[in-house]
């Protein structure tokens, strides 16, 4: 509930505080007195789009503060929580507009964006009038209003829609993956066969390379080692030394010991030469290899390196790459079965969603019948018993809230074509349609302050009295603020303010006065009689007020 509205230096208002009450609050005054300015100020603090410049001439800034009662469970608490703002028993909105156009907003002394204000506005205040484009006249909100009226929960359909979307996404991803895999199926099968045939092992390339270098080195040095072996073998040094030993031994007997040391040294040399020869021959045996082996080794080494270059991986990663290709190939081989399973999931999700959407449609059609009947009952007291209100439900594109497009239509006279509210009804008729609809939907958003801006325009007499009584009935469950020129409506208010315009020191200012019982008689008499208030007008005002 809106408890108070404090306005400072806005348009032609210098200082004004409006303390509102429960039930039906009415604002009256001459045309141009400033009633609409109060709504502009309220719209400003709620973040609505309105006049670009609100600051009173000569003032540095304009400021509007609105205080709302905030009971437990009010929807505004969720908005505050999402914005990280603590909530108490009251909610204070304050917005400042400087003379240079800068706007600053605060909620419970926390600076906030205009978006937060508008989110709060949606659950705090609802404005209705002949030019209302935010509430009941907007067809985009009619389905929500019908669901609220019928107590319809679309949660099951929303859950089914999410499941359906997830199933379709999974199927589309699988189809795309299979399509990509099928486009390279020949390549995959050839690559896997090629890699499987070679079957490279991690580390094998390094081992083969080392062995190849060893074999190539052996080929280069073996000739020299073989020559050295021949030089020290029986045909070479060893043979010559043995010949020398034989010749010296034959002469030693006649040399009287002079060759003993030479013979001993020669024997030792033969022993060392034999060891050297044995080492050289052992080396030759180790360096011995089959040229065909080197050829086979090089062939495998070059094949491994060629495949690594071909597939753009390191030689040691060929095995892992083969496994990756095998996995992609498995997608193709098992793709049909996988797709069939996903297609069954999609079909099942579609069926579940279709059932949930159909249940919503049935519930909405039943609620539409009840709403149409309730509207017929409301229109009769408003002197529109011949008008027909109908809730149209048409099939629309599937979505999380079902497959229904809901539109409120009217036909003002029997046989006349029906159409949207704001296109078919005249000004006075539209006011009454909106009022009747709001009365029917009064339970849809508890805690709202309902504002009706001259919703009784174009009606008078008994019809105006009927409008007032409907507003009074509506105020039994919600706070209602009415800007009105109708004395019949004003007389039914529980709280009454008069808006006046005055000139002080060359400045035009607007003031709001709380009216007591006597002042109400005078104000309603003015509304009945005009500038010249007669005693008859006062008496008529007393009758309207029940005084």
Protein backbone atom coordinates (compact mmCIF):
# COMPACT_ATOMS: atom_id res chain seq x y z
CA UNK A 1 0.00 0.00 0.00
CA UNK A 2 1.20 3.51 -0.84
CA UNK A 3 1.36 5.27 2.51
CA UNK A 4 2.72 8.65 1.53
CA UNK A 5 3.94 10.68 -1.42
CA UNK A 6 6.31 13.58 -0.78
CA UNK A 7 7.02 15.99 -3.66
CA UNK A 8 9.60 18.78 -3.69
CA UNK A 9 10.08 21.28 -6.52
CA UNK A 10 8.39 19.32 -9.29
CA UNK A 11 6.71 21.33 -12.09
CA UNK A 12 4.28 23.68 -10.28
CA UNK A 13 4.54 21.92 -6.90
CA UNK A 14 6.97 23.42 -4.39
CA UNK A 15 6.27 21.40 -1.24
CA UNK A 16 3.58 18.75 -0.95
CA UNK A 17 3.04 15.68 1.21
CA UNK A 18 0.14 13.35 0.50
CA UNK A 19 -0.71 10.79 3.22
CA UNK A 20 -2.89 8.08 1.70
CA UNK A 21 -5.13 5.61 3.48
CA UNK A 22 -6.63 2.22 2.85
CA UNK A 23 -9.74 1.79 0.74
CA UNK A 24 -10.89 4.35 -1.82
CA UNK A 25 -8.83 7.57 -2.07
CA UNK A 26 -10.19 10.32 -4.37
CA UNK A 27 -8.50 13.37 -5.87
CA UNK A 28 -10.70 16.13 -7.28
CA UNK A 29 -10.13 19.62 -8.62
CA UNK A 30 -10.60 21.89 -11.58
CA UNK A 31 -9.14 20.88 -14.93
CA UNK A 32 -5.51 22.05 -15.01
CA UNK A 33 -5.23 22.27 -11.22
CA UNK A 34 -2.39 19.75 -11.19
CA UNK A 35 -4.01 16.36 -10.61
CA UNK A 36 -2.03 14.83 -13.47
CA UNK A 37 1.16 16.29 -12.00
CA UNK A 38 0.70 14.09 -8.95
CA UNK A 39 0.60 11.06 -11.23
CA UNK A 40 3.64 12.36 -13.14
CA UNK A 41 5.51 12.65 -9.86
CA UNK A 42 4.49 9.17 -8.77
CA UNK A 43 5.47 7.79 -12.17
CA UNK A 44 8.83 9.55 -11.89
CA UNK A 45 9.72 7.94 -8.55
CA UNK A 46 8.59 4.56 -9.93
CA UNK A 47 10.87 4.85 -12.96
CA UNK A 48 8.11 5.24 -15.54
CA UNK A 49 8.84 7.05 -18.78
CA UNK A 50 7.26 10.48 -18.68
CA UNK A 51 8.13 14.13 -19.01
CA UNK A 52 11.78 14.76 -19.70
CA UNK A 53 11.98 17.84 -17.43
CA UNK A 54 10.21 17.85 -14.06
CA UNK A 55 12.23 20.39 -12.05
CA UNK A 56 10.27 23.46 -10.97
CA UNK A 57 11.46 26.67 -12.60
CA UNK A 58 14.20 28.28 -10.51
CA UNK A 59 14.89 25.17 -8.40
CA UNK A 60 18.23 23.32 -8.41
CA UNK A 61 16.55 19.93 -8.33
CA UNK A 62 13.23 18.16 -7.98
CA UNK A 63 12.72 15.25 -5.61
CA UNK A 64 9.93 12.71 -5.06
CA UNK A 65 9.74 10.21 -2.20
CA UNK A 66 7.16 7.42 -2.00
CA UNK A 67 6.70 5.25 1.08
CA UNK A 68 4.98 1.87 0.79
CA UNK A 69 3.93 -0.60 3.47
CA UNK A 70 5.61 -3.92 2.75
CA UNK A 71 3.88 -6.90 4.41
CA UNK A 72 5.45 -10.34 4.61
CA UNK A 73 5.21 -12.29 1.37
CA UNK A 74 4.85 -9.20 -0.84
CA UNK A 75 6.28 -9.72 -4.33
CA UNK A 76 8.46 -6.61 -3.93
CA UNK A 77 10.59 -8.53 -1.44
CA UNK A 78 11.76 -10.84 -4.24
CA UNK A 79 12.75 -7.84 -6.36
CA UNK A 80 14.67 -6.33 -3.44
CA UNK A 81 16.41 -9.63 -2.73
CA UNK A 82 17.51 -9.94 -6.36
CA UNK A 83 18.94 -6.41 -6.15
CA UNK A 84 20.76 -7.19 -2.88
CA UNK A 85 18.64 -4.76 -0.83
CA UNK A 86 17.37 -5.62 2.64
CA UNK A 87 13.60 -5.36 3.18
CA UNK A 88 11.80 -4.20 6.29
CA UNK A 89 8.16 -3.38 6.99
CA UNK A 90 8.29 -0.32 4.77
CA UNK A 91 9.79 0.48 1.39
CA UNK A 92 11.13 3.97 0.67
CA UNK A 93 11.66 5.02 -2.94
CA UNK A 94 13.41 8.35 -3.61
CA UNK A 95 14.36 9.86 -6.96
CA UNK A 96 16.05 13.14 -7.74
CA UNK A 97 16.05 15.09 -11.00
CA UNK A 98 18.63 17.90 -11.22
CA UNK A 99 18.11 21.00 -13.32
CA UNK A 100 20.68 19.75 -15.84
CA UNK A 101 18.67 16.54 -16.40
CA UNK A 102 20.62 14.03 -14.28
CA UNK A 103 18.45 11.50 -12.44
CA UNK A 104 19.41 9.54 -9.32
CA UNK A 105 17.30 6.90 -7.60
CA UNK A 106 17.45 5.32 -4.14
CA UNK A 107 15.62 2.40 -2.58
CA UNK A 108 15.87 2.22 1.22
CA UNK A 109 18.85 4.62 0.92
CA UNK A 110 20.61 2.31 -1.55
CA UNK A 111 21.36 3.81 -4.94
CA UNK A 112 19.68 1.82 -7.71
CA UNK A 113 19.08 1.89 -11.45
CA UNK A 114 15.85 2.87 -13.13
CA UNK A 115 15.39 -0.79 -14.04
CA UNK A 116 15.11 -1.74 -10.35
CA UNK A 117 12.51 0.99 -9.87
CA UNK A 118 10.48 -0.31 -12.80
CA UNK A 119 10.69 -3.90 -11.50
CA UNK A 120 9.36 -2.68 -8.15
CA UNK A 121 6.70 -0.62 -9.91
CA UNK A 122 5.32 -3.73 -11.58
CA UNK A 123 4.44 -5.25 -8.18
CA UNK A 124 3.57 -2.05 -6.30
CA UNK A 125 1.35 0.10 -8.52
CA UNK A 126 -0.99 -0.42 -11.44
CA UNK A 127 -2.29 2.51 -13.47
CA UNK A 128 -5.56 2.35 -15.39
CA UNK A 129 -6.98 4.93 -17.72
CA UNK A 130 -8.32 5.49 -21.22
CA UNK A 131 -4.78 5.57 -22.58
CA UNK A 132 -3.45 2.71 -20.48
CA UNK A 133 -0.82 0.76 -22.41
CA UNK A 134 0.93 -0.92 -19.47
CA UNK A 135 -1.88 -2.97 -17.98
CA UNK A 136 -5.19 -4.39 -19.08
CA UNK A 137 -5.14 -3.00 -22.62
CA UNK A 138 -1.91 -4.73 -23.56
CA UNK A 139 -2.78 -8.08 -25.25
CA UNK A 140 0.67 -9.44 -24.44
CA UNK A 141 -0.37 -9.65 -20.80
CA UNK A 142 -3.83 -11.14 -21.28
CA UNK A 143 -2.68 -14.75 -21.00
CA UNK A 144 -0.96 -13.99 -17.69
CA UNK A 145 -4.10 -12.24 -16.41
CA UNK A 146 -6.30 -15.16 -17.42
CA UNK A 147 -3.93 -17.63 -15.70
CA UNK A 148 -3.98 -15.51 -12.55
CA UNK A 149 -7.78 -15.30 -12.63
CA UNK A 150 -8.13 -19.06 -13.09
CA UNK A 151 -5.35 -19.99 -10.66
CA UNK A 152 -3.61 -21.81 -13.51
CA UNK A 153 -0.07 -23.04 -12.91
CA UNK A 154 2.01 -23.45 -16.07
CA UNK A 155 4.91 -25.01 -14.15
CA UNK A 156 4.41 -28.50 -15.62
CA UNK A 157 4.38 -27.12 -19.18
CA UNK A 158 7.50 -25.02 -18.52
CA UNK A 159 9.33 -28.06 -17.15
CA UNK A 160 8.23 -30.17 -20.13
CA UNK A 161 9.32 -27.38 -22.48
CA UNK A 162 12.81 -27.32 -20.95
CA UNK A 163 13.09 -31.11 -21.19
CA UNK A 164 11.88 -30.97 -24.79
CA UNK A 165 14.39 -28.26 -25.66
CA UNK A 166 17.23 -30.24 -24.08
CA UNK A 167 16.24 -33.41 -25.97
CA UNK A 168 16.07 -31.52 -29.27
CA UNK A 169 19.44 -29.88 -28.62
CA UNK A 170 21.03 -33.27 -27.91
CA UNK A 171 19.53 -34.74 -31.10
CA UNK A 172 20.68 -31.79 -33.21
CA UNK A 173 24.20 -32.04 -31.78
CA UNK A 174 24.31 -35.79 -32.49
CA UNK A 175 23.01 -35.30 -36.03
CA UNK A 176 25.61 -32.61 -36.67
CA UNK A 177 28.40 -34.80 -35.28
CA UNK A 178 27.25 -37.75 -37.38
CA UNK A 179 27.03 -35.56 -40.46
CA UNK A 180 30.58 -34.34 -39.97
CA UNK A 181 31.79 -37.88 -39.37
CA UNK A 182 30.00 -39.27 -42.41
CA UNK A 183 31.54 -36.55 -44.59
CA UNK A 184 35.00 -37.94 -43.77
CA UNK A 185 34.10 -41.62 -43.43
CA UNK A 186 36.38 -42.77 -46.29
CA UNK A 187 39.27 -40.81 -44.86
CA UNK A 188 38.70 -42.21 -41.36
CA UNK A 189 38.53 -45.80 -42.51
CA UNK A 190 41.69 -45.42 -44.63
CA UNK A 191 43.56 -43.63 -41.84
CA UNK A 192 42.63 -46.17 -39.16
CA UNK A 193 43.60 -49.07 -41.46
CA UNK A 194 46.90 -47.36 -42.31
CA UNK A 195 47.75 -46.68 -38.68
CA UNK A 196 46.65 -50.12 -37.52
CA UNK A 197 48.80 -51.75 -40.18
CA UNK A 198 51.92 -49.87 -39.09
CA UNK A 199 50.98 -50.11 -35.40
CA UNK A 200 53.58 -47.60 -34.14
CA UNK A 201 54.52 -47.77 -30.45
CA UNK A 202 55.38 -44.87 -28.18
CA UNK A 203 59.17 -44.35 -28.13
CA UNK A 204 59.72 -46.62 -31.14
CA UNK A 205 60.87 -43.80 -33.41
CA UNK A 206 63.72 -42.84 -31.05
CA UNK A 207 64.85 -46.48 -30.71
CA UNK A 208 64.84 -47.02 -34.48
CA UNK A 209 66.72 -43.78 -35.07
CA UNK A 210 69.44 -44.70 -32.58
CA UNK A 211 69.83 -48.20 -34.06
CA UNK A 212 70.00 -46.75 -37.58
CA UNK A 213 72.75 -44.30 -36.62
CA UNK A 214 74.70 -47.13 -35.01
CA UNK A 215 74.41 -49.30 -38.09
CA UNK A 216 75.36 -46.43 -40.43
CA UNK A 217 78.42 -45.66 -38.27
CA UNK A 218 79.49 -49.31 -38.25
CA UNK A 219 79.41 -49.41 -42.02
CA UNK A 220 81.79 -46.46 -42.23
CA UNK A 221 84.45 -47.75 -39.69
CA UNK A 222 84.31 -51.49 -40.36
CA UNK A 223 86.57 -51.23 -43.44
CA UNK A 224 89.33 -49.55 -41.47
CA UNK A 225 89.02 -52.04 -38.61
CA UNK A 226 89.16 -54.94 -41.10
CA UNK A 227 92.32 -53.51 -42.68
CA UNK A 228 93.86 -53.16 -39.25
CA UNK A 229 92.95 -56.75 -38.47
CA UNK A 230 94.60 -57.89 -41.69
CA UNK A 231 97.72 -55.88 -40.83
CA UNK A 232 98.19 -57.61 -37.48
CA UNK A 233 96.98 -61.09 -38.55
CA UNK A 234 99.12 -64.07 -39.75
CA UNK A 235 99.58 -62.48 -43.17
CA UNK A 236 100.71 -59.23 -41.57
CA UNK A 237 102.59 -58.24 -38.43
CA UNK A 238 101.99 -61.48 -36.59
CA UNK A 239 103.50 -63.53 -39.45
CA UNK A 240 106.53 -61.24 -39.74
CA UNK A 241 107.15 -61.35 -36.00
CA UNK A 242 106.92 -65.12 -35.93
CA UNK A 243 109.41 -65.32 -38.82
CA UNK A 244 111.75 -62.99 -36.93
CA UNK A 245 111.36 -65.07 -33.75
CA UNK A 246 112.15 -68.28 -35.67
CA UNK A 247 115.22 -66.72 -37.25
CA UNK A 248 116.51 -65.33 -33.97
CA UNK A 249 115.92 -68.57 -32.09
CA UNK A 250 118.06 -70.38 -34.78
CA UNK A 251 120.91 -67.92 -34.19
CA UNK A 252 120.67 -67.68 -30.39
CA UNK A 253 122.82 -70.76 -29.74
CA UNK A 254 125.74 -69.18 -31.55
CA UNK A 255 125.13 -65.70 -30.08
CA UNK A 256 126.25 -66.81 -26.59
CA UNK A 257 123.18 -65.23 -24.84
CA UNK A 258 123.31 -61.93 -26.57
CA UNK A 259 119.76 -62.48 -28.05
CA UNK A 260 118.02 -63.66 -24.86
CA UNK A 261 116.55 -60.29 -23.97
CA UNK A 262 115.41 -59.68 -27.55
CA UNK A 263 113.76 -63.09 -27.73
CA UNK A 264 111.93 -62.49 -24.44
CA UNK A 265 110.66 -59.13 -25.64
CA UNK A 266 109.57 -60.58 -28.94
CA UNK A 267 107.62 -63.34 -27.18
CA UNK A 268 105.89 -60.72 -25.03
CA UNK A 269 105.08 -58.68 -28.12
CA UNK A 270 103.51 -61.70 -29.79
CA UNK A 271 101.33 -62.25 -26.73
CA UNK A 272 100.17 -58.57 -26.75
CA UNK A 273 99.63 -58.68 -30.47
CA UNK A 274 97.43 -61.75 -30.07
CA UNK A 275 95.31 -59.92 -27.49
CA UNK A 276 95.04 -56.92 -29.79
CA UNK A 277 93.99 -59.12 -32.66
CA UNK A 278 91.36 -60.78 -30.48
CA UNK A 279 89.92 -57.39 -29.52
CA UNK A 280 89.79 -56.21 -33.11
CA UNK A 281 88.09 -59.42 -34.25
CA UNK A 282 85.54 -59.10 -31.41
CA UNK A 283 84.79 -55.55 -32.54
CA UNK A 284 84.33 -56.71 -36.11
CA UNK A 285 81.88 -59.34 -34.97
CA UNK A 286 79.86 -56.69 -33.05
CA UNK A 287 79.83 -54.37 -36.02
CA UNK A 288 78.72 -57.10 -38.30
CA UNK A 289 75.07 -56.65 -39.55
CA UNK A 290 72.85 -57.64 -42.39
CA UNK A 291 72.38 -54.77 -44.87
CA UNK A 292 68.82 -55.98 -45.36
CA UNK A 293 68.19 -55.32 -41.68
CA UNK A 294 69.30 -51.69 -42.07
CA UNK A 295 67.06 -51.35 -45.09
CA UNK A 296 64.04 -52.77 -43.20
CA UNK A 297 64.76 -50.57 -40.18
CA UNK A 298 65.00 -47.44 -42.32
CA UNK A 299 61.82 -48.34 -44.14
CA UNK A 300 59.84 -48.55 -40.86
CA UNK A 301 61.46 -45.44 -39.41
CA UNK A 302 60.65 -43.41 -42.51
CA UNK A 303 57.09 -44.80 -42.57
CA UNK A 304 56.51 -43.67 -38.96
CA UNK A 305 57.88 -40.21 -39.67
CA UNK A 306 55.84 -39.89 -42.86
CA UNK A 307 52.56 -40.74 -41.05
CA UNK A 308 53.41 -38.26 -38.30
CA UNK A 309 53.84 -35.51 -40.89
CA UNK A 310 50.70 -36.61 -42.72
CA UNK A 311 48.46 -36.39 -39.64
CA UNK A 312 50.24 -33.44 -38.08
CA UNK A 313 51.23 -35.17 -34.82
CA UNK A 314 54.46 -36.25 -33.13
CA UNK A 315 55.64 -39.80 -33.93
CA UNK A 316 55.02 -40.87 -30.34
CA UNK A 317 51.39 -39.58 -30.58
CA UNK A 318 50.43 -41.70 -33.59
CA UNK A 319 48.89 -44.38 -31.39
CA UNK A 320 46.69 -41.86 -29.55
CA UNK A 321 45.73 -40.24 -32.85
CA UNK A 322 44.69 -43.63 -34.18
CA UNK A 323 42.47 -44.09 -31.12
CA UNK A 324 40.88 -40.69 -31.71
CA UNK A 325 40.11 -41.55 -35.31
CA UNK A 326 38.73 -44.90 -34.17
CA UNK A 327 36.36 -43.08 -31.80
CA UNK A 328 35.13 -40.83 -34.60
CA UNK A 329 34.61 -43.85 -36.77
CA UNK A 330 32.64 -45.49 -33.96
CA UNK A 331 30.25 -42.52 -34.06
CA UNK A 332 29.40 -43.49 -37.62
CA UNK A 333 29.20 -47.21 -36.92
CA UNK A 334 26.99 -46.66 -33.86
CA UNK A 335 25.38 -43.45 -35.08
CA UNK A 336 22.15 -44.92 -36.35
CA UNK A 337 21.43 -46.64 -33.04
CA UNK A 338 22.36 -43.51 -31.06
CA UNK A 339 20.19 -41.27 -33.21
CA UNK A 340 17.26 -43.63 -32.91
CA UNK A 341 17.54 -43.45 -29.12
CA UNK A 342 17.71 -39.64 -29.15
CA UNK A 343 14.79 -39.45 -31.59
CA UNK A 344 12.74 -41.58 -29.21
CA UNK A 345 13.66 -39.19 -26.39
CA UNK A 346 12.53 -36.21 -28.48
CA UNK A 347 9.27 -37.91 -29.40
CA UNK A 348 8.63 -38.74 -25.76
CA UNK A 349 9.43 -35.16 -24.68
CA UNK A 350 7.15 -33.80 -27.43
CA UNK A 351 4.31 -36.00 -26.23
CA UNK A 352 4.76 -34.96 -22.59
CA UNK A 353 4.84 -31.28 -23.57
CA UNK A 354 1.81 -31.68 -25.84
CA UNK A 355 -0.17 -33.22 -22.96
CA UNK A 356 0.87 -30.42 -20.58
CA UNK A 357 0.05 -27.74 -23.18
CA UNK A 358 -3.32 -29.36 -23.91
CA UNK A 359 -4.10 -29.40 -20.18
CA UNK A 360 -3.26 -25.70 -20.04
CA UNK A 361 -5.55 -25.00 -22.98
CA UNK A 362 -8.43 -26.85 -21.31
CA UNK A 363 -7.86 -25.00 -18.04
CA UNK A 364 -7.68 -21.65 -19.86
CA UNK A 365 -10.85 -22.30 -21.82
CA UNK A 366 -12.65 -23.15 -18.58
CA UNK A 367 -11.22 -20.02 -16.91
CA UNK A 368 -12.24 -17.95 -19.95
CA UNK A 369 -15.86 -19.10 -19.56
CA UNK A 370 -15.79 -18.09 -15.88
CA UNK A 371 -14.16 -14.73 -16.65
CA UNK A 372 -16.69 -13.96 -19.41
CA UNK A 373 -19.53 -14.76 -17.02
CA UNK A 374 -17.98 -12.62 -14.29
CA UNK A 375 -17.57 -9.74 -16.74
CA UNK A 376 -21.19 -10.04 -17.84
CA UNK A 377 -22.23 -9.75 -14.20
CA UNK A 378 -20.02 -6.69 -13.72
CA UNK A 379 -21.06 -4.89 -16.91
CA UNK A 380 -24.76 -4.95 -16.10
CA UNK A 381 -24.51 -2.67 -13.04
CA UNK A 382 -22.29 -0.37 -15.11
CA UNK A 383 -25.16 0.15 -17.56
CA UNK A 384 -23.54 -2.00 -20.24
CA UNK A 385 -25.78 -5.02 -20.05
CA UNK A 386 -25.99 -5.21 -23.85
CA UNK A 387 -22.19 -5.30 -24.30
CA UNK A 388 -20.42 -8.61 -24.72
CA UNK A 389 -16.96 -9.35 -23.33
CA UNK A 390 -15.29 -12.45 -24.66
CA UNK A 391 -11.93 -14.05 -23.97
CA UNK A 392 -10.58 -15.35 -27.26
CA UNK A 393 -8.09 -18.24 -27.17
CA UNK A 394 -6.23 -19.08 -30.37
CA UNK A 395 -3.45 -21.49 -31.19
CA UNK A 396 -0.04 -19.87 -31.34
CA UNK A 397 3.57 -20.99 -31.61
CA UNK A 398 4.56 -23.41 -28.87
CA UNK A 399 6.43 -21.93 -25.94
CA UNK A 400 7.14 -22.53 -22.26
CA UNK A 401 3.65 -21.31 -21.32
CA UNK A 402 1.81 -23.48 -23.79
CA UNK A 403 0.36 -22.89 -27.24
CA UNK A 404 -2.38 -20.36 -26.46
CA UNK A 405 -2.73 -16.73 -27.53
CA UNK A 406 -5.23 -14.98 -25.26
CA UNK A 407 -7.00 -11.74 -26.23
CA UNK A 408 -9.75 -9.86 -24.41
CA UNK A 409 -12.34 -8.66 -26.96
CA UNK A 410 -15.60 -6.72 -26.72
CA UNK A 411 -18.69 -6.05 -28.76
CA UNK A 412 -20.48 -2.95 -27.46
CA UNK A 413 -23.83 -3.72 -29.04
CA UNK A 414 -25.67 -6.90 -30.15
CA UNK A 415 -24.69 -7.85 -33.67
CA UNK A 416 -21.71 -5.49 -33.68
CA UNK A 417 -18.32 -6.99 -34.53
CA UNK A 418 -16.02 -7.78 -31.63
CA UNK A 419 -12.46 -6.55 -31.37
CA UNK A 420 -9.72 -5.47 -28.97
CA UNK A 421 -10.81 -3.33 -26.04
CA UNK A 422 -8.98 -0.16 -27.04
CA UNK A 423 -10.18 -0.28 -30.67
CA UNK A 424 -13.88 -1.01 -30.22
CA UNK A 425 -14.97 0.81 -27.08
CA UNK A 426 -15.59 4.57 -26.85
CA UNK A 427 -13.99 6.60 -24.07
CA UNK A 428 -16.77 6.09 -21.54
CA UNK A 429 -17.28 2.48 -22.51
CA UNK A 430 -13.58 1.74 -22.28
CA UNK A 431 -13.44 3.16 -18.78
CA UNK A 432 -16.20 0.87 -17.63
CA UNK A 433 -14.77 -2.18 -19.39
CA UNK A 434 -11.43 -1.62 -17.68
CA UNK A 435 -13.08 -1.13 -14.31
CA UNK A 436 -15.20 -4.27 -14.68
CA UNK A 437 -12.18 -6.26 -15.76
CA UNK A 438 -10.12 -5.02 -12.86
CA UNK A 439 -12.88 -5.90 -10.41
CA UNK A 440 -12.97 -9.44 -11.84
CA UNK A 441 -9.19 -9.72 -11.62
CA UNK A 442 -8.85 -8.04 -8.23
CA UNK A 443 -7.35 -11.13 -6.65
CA UNK A 444 -4.61 -11.46 -9.27
CA UNK A 445 -1.95 -9.36 -7.55
CA UNK A 446 -2.53 -8.69 -3.83
CA UNK A 447 -0.66 -5.72 -2.41
CA UNK A 448 -0.99 -3.50 -5.49
CA UNK A 449 -2.04 0.12 -5.29
CA UNK A 450 -4.56 0.62 -8.10
CA UNK A 451 -4.68 4.06 -9.70
CA UNK A 452 -7.58 5.07 -11.94
CA UNK A 453 -6.94 8.27 -13.88
CA UNK A 454 -10.30 9.77 -14.83
CA UNK A 455 -11.61 6.31 -15.61
CA UNK A 456 -15.13 7.71 -15.20
CA UNK A 457 -14.68 10.24 -18.01
CA UNK A 458 -17.59 10.28 -20.40
CA UNK A 459 -20.16 8.88 -17.99
CA UNK A 460 -22.56 10.55 -15.60
CA UNK A 461 -25.72 10.13 -13.61
CA UNK A 462 -26.62 6.57 -12.67
CA UNK A 463 -23.73 5.20 -14.70
CA UNK A 464 -21.24 7.34 -12.80
CA UNK A 465 -22.79 6.15 -9.55
CA UNK A 466 -22.40 2.54 -10.73
CA UNK A 467 -18.74 3.21 -11.59
CA UNK A 468 -18.18 4.66 -8.14
CA UNK A 469 -19.75 1.69 -6.43
CA UNK A 470 -17.59 -0.69 -8.47
CA UNK A 471 -14.51 1.28 -7.40
CA UNK A 472 -15.70 1.18 -3.82
CA UNK A 473 -16.14 -2.59 -4.05
CA UNK A 474 -12.66 -2.93 -5.50
CA UNK A 475 -11.18 -0.89 -2.66
CA UNK A 476 -12.39 -3.51 -0.22
CA UNK A 477 -9.46 -5.76 -1.19
CA UNK A 478 -6.94 -3.24 -2.53
CA UNK A 479 -5.90 0.37 -2.07
CA UNK A 480 -7.52 2.44 -4.81
CA UNK A 481 -6.55 5.99 -5.82
CA UNK A 482 -8.97 7.72 -8.21
CA UNK A 483 -8.51 11.00 -10.06
CA UNK A 484 -12.09 12.01 -10.89
CA UNK A 485 -14.39 14.78 -12.08
CA UNK A 486 -17.49 12.79 -11.11
CA UNK A 487 -19.28 13.88 -7.91
CA UNK A 488 -20.94 10.47 -7.68
CA UNK A 489 -17.54 8.79 -7.59
CA UNK A 490 -15.97 11.36 -5.27
CA UNK A 491 -18.81 10.98 -2.77
CA UNK A 492 -17.98 7.29 -2.27
CA UNK A 493 -14.34 7.90 -1.33
CA UNK A 494 -13.05 7.03 2.11
CA UNK A 495 -10.39 9.76 1.83
CA UNK A 496 -10.79 12.93 -0.20
CA UNK A 497 -8.22 15.51 -1.39
CA UNK A 498 -8.80 18.66 -3.44
CA UNK A 499 -6.11 19.81 -5.86
CA UNK A 500 -5.98 23.58 -6.40
CA UNK A 501 -3.83 26.03 -8.31
CA UNK A 502 -2.80 29.40 -6.86
CA UNK A 503 -0.46 32.25 -7.77
CA UNK A 504 2.07 33.45 -5.20
CA UNK A 505 4.69 36.13 -5.86
CA UNK A 506 4.16 35.74 -9.57
CA UNK A 507 4.55 31.95 -9.48
CA UNK A 508 1.84 29.40 -10.18
CA UNK A 509 1.78 26.64 -7.57
CA UNK A 510 -0.35 23.57 -7.02
CA UNK A 511 -1.53 22.49 -3.58
CA UNK A 512 -3.42 19.49 -2.23
CA UNK A 513 -5.80 19.85 0.71
CA UNK A 514 -7.26 17.07 2.84
CA UNK A 515 -11.01 17.66 3.05
CA UNK A 516 -13.05 17.23 6.21
CA UNK A 517 -16.77 16.44 6.16
CA UNK A 518 -17.86 20.06 5.62
CA UNK A 519 -15.25 20.72 2.99
CA UNK A 520 -16.32 17.59 1.13
CA UNK A 521 -19.86 18.92 0.91
CA UNK A 522 -18.54 22.17 -0.61
CA UNK A 523 -16.25 20.36 -3.07
CA UNK A 524 -18.92 17.94 -4.28
CA UNK A 525 -21.41 20.82 -4.53
CA UNK A 526 -18.85 22.64 -6.73
CA UNK A 527 -18.53 19.54 -8.90
CA UNK A 528 -22.32 19.45 -9.24
CA UNK A 529 -23.02 23.15 -9.75
CA UNK A 530 -19.83 24.67 -11.15
CA UNK A 531 -18.53 28.11 -10.18
CA UNK A 532 -21.75 29.25 -8.46
CA UNK A 533 -22.47 26.87 -5.61
CA UNK A 534 -26.13 26.92 -4.62
CA UNK A 535 -27.84 25.60 -1.52
CA UNK A 536 -29.54 23.06 -3.74
CA UNK A 537 -26.14 21.85 -4.88
CA UNK A 538 -25.03 21.56 -1.24
CA UNK A 539 -28.14 19.58 -0.43
CA UNK A 540 -27.52 17.29 -3.38
CA UNK A 541 -23.93 16.84 -2.16
CA UNK A 542 -25.20 15.91 1.31
CA UNK A 543 -27.47 13.32 -0.29
CA UNK A 544 -24.59 11.83 -2.25
CA UNK A 545 -22.43 11.74 0.87
CA UNK A 546 -25.22 10.28 2.97
CA UNK A 547 -24.74 13.14 5.43
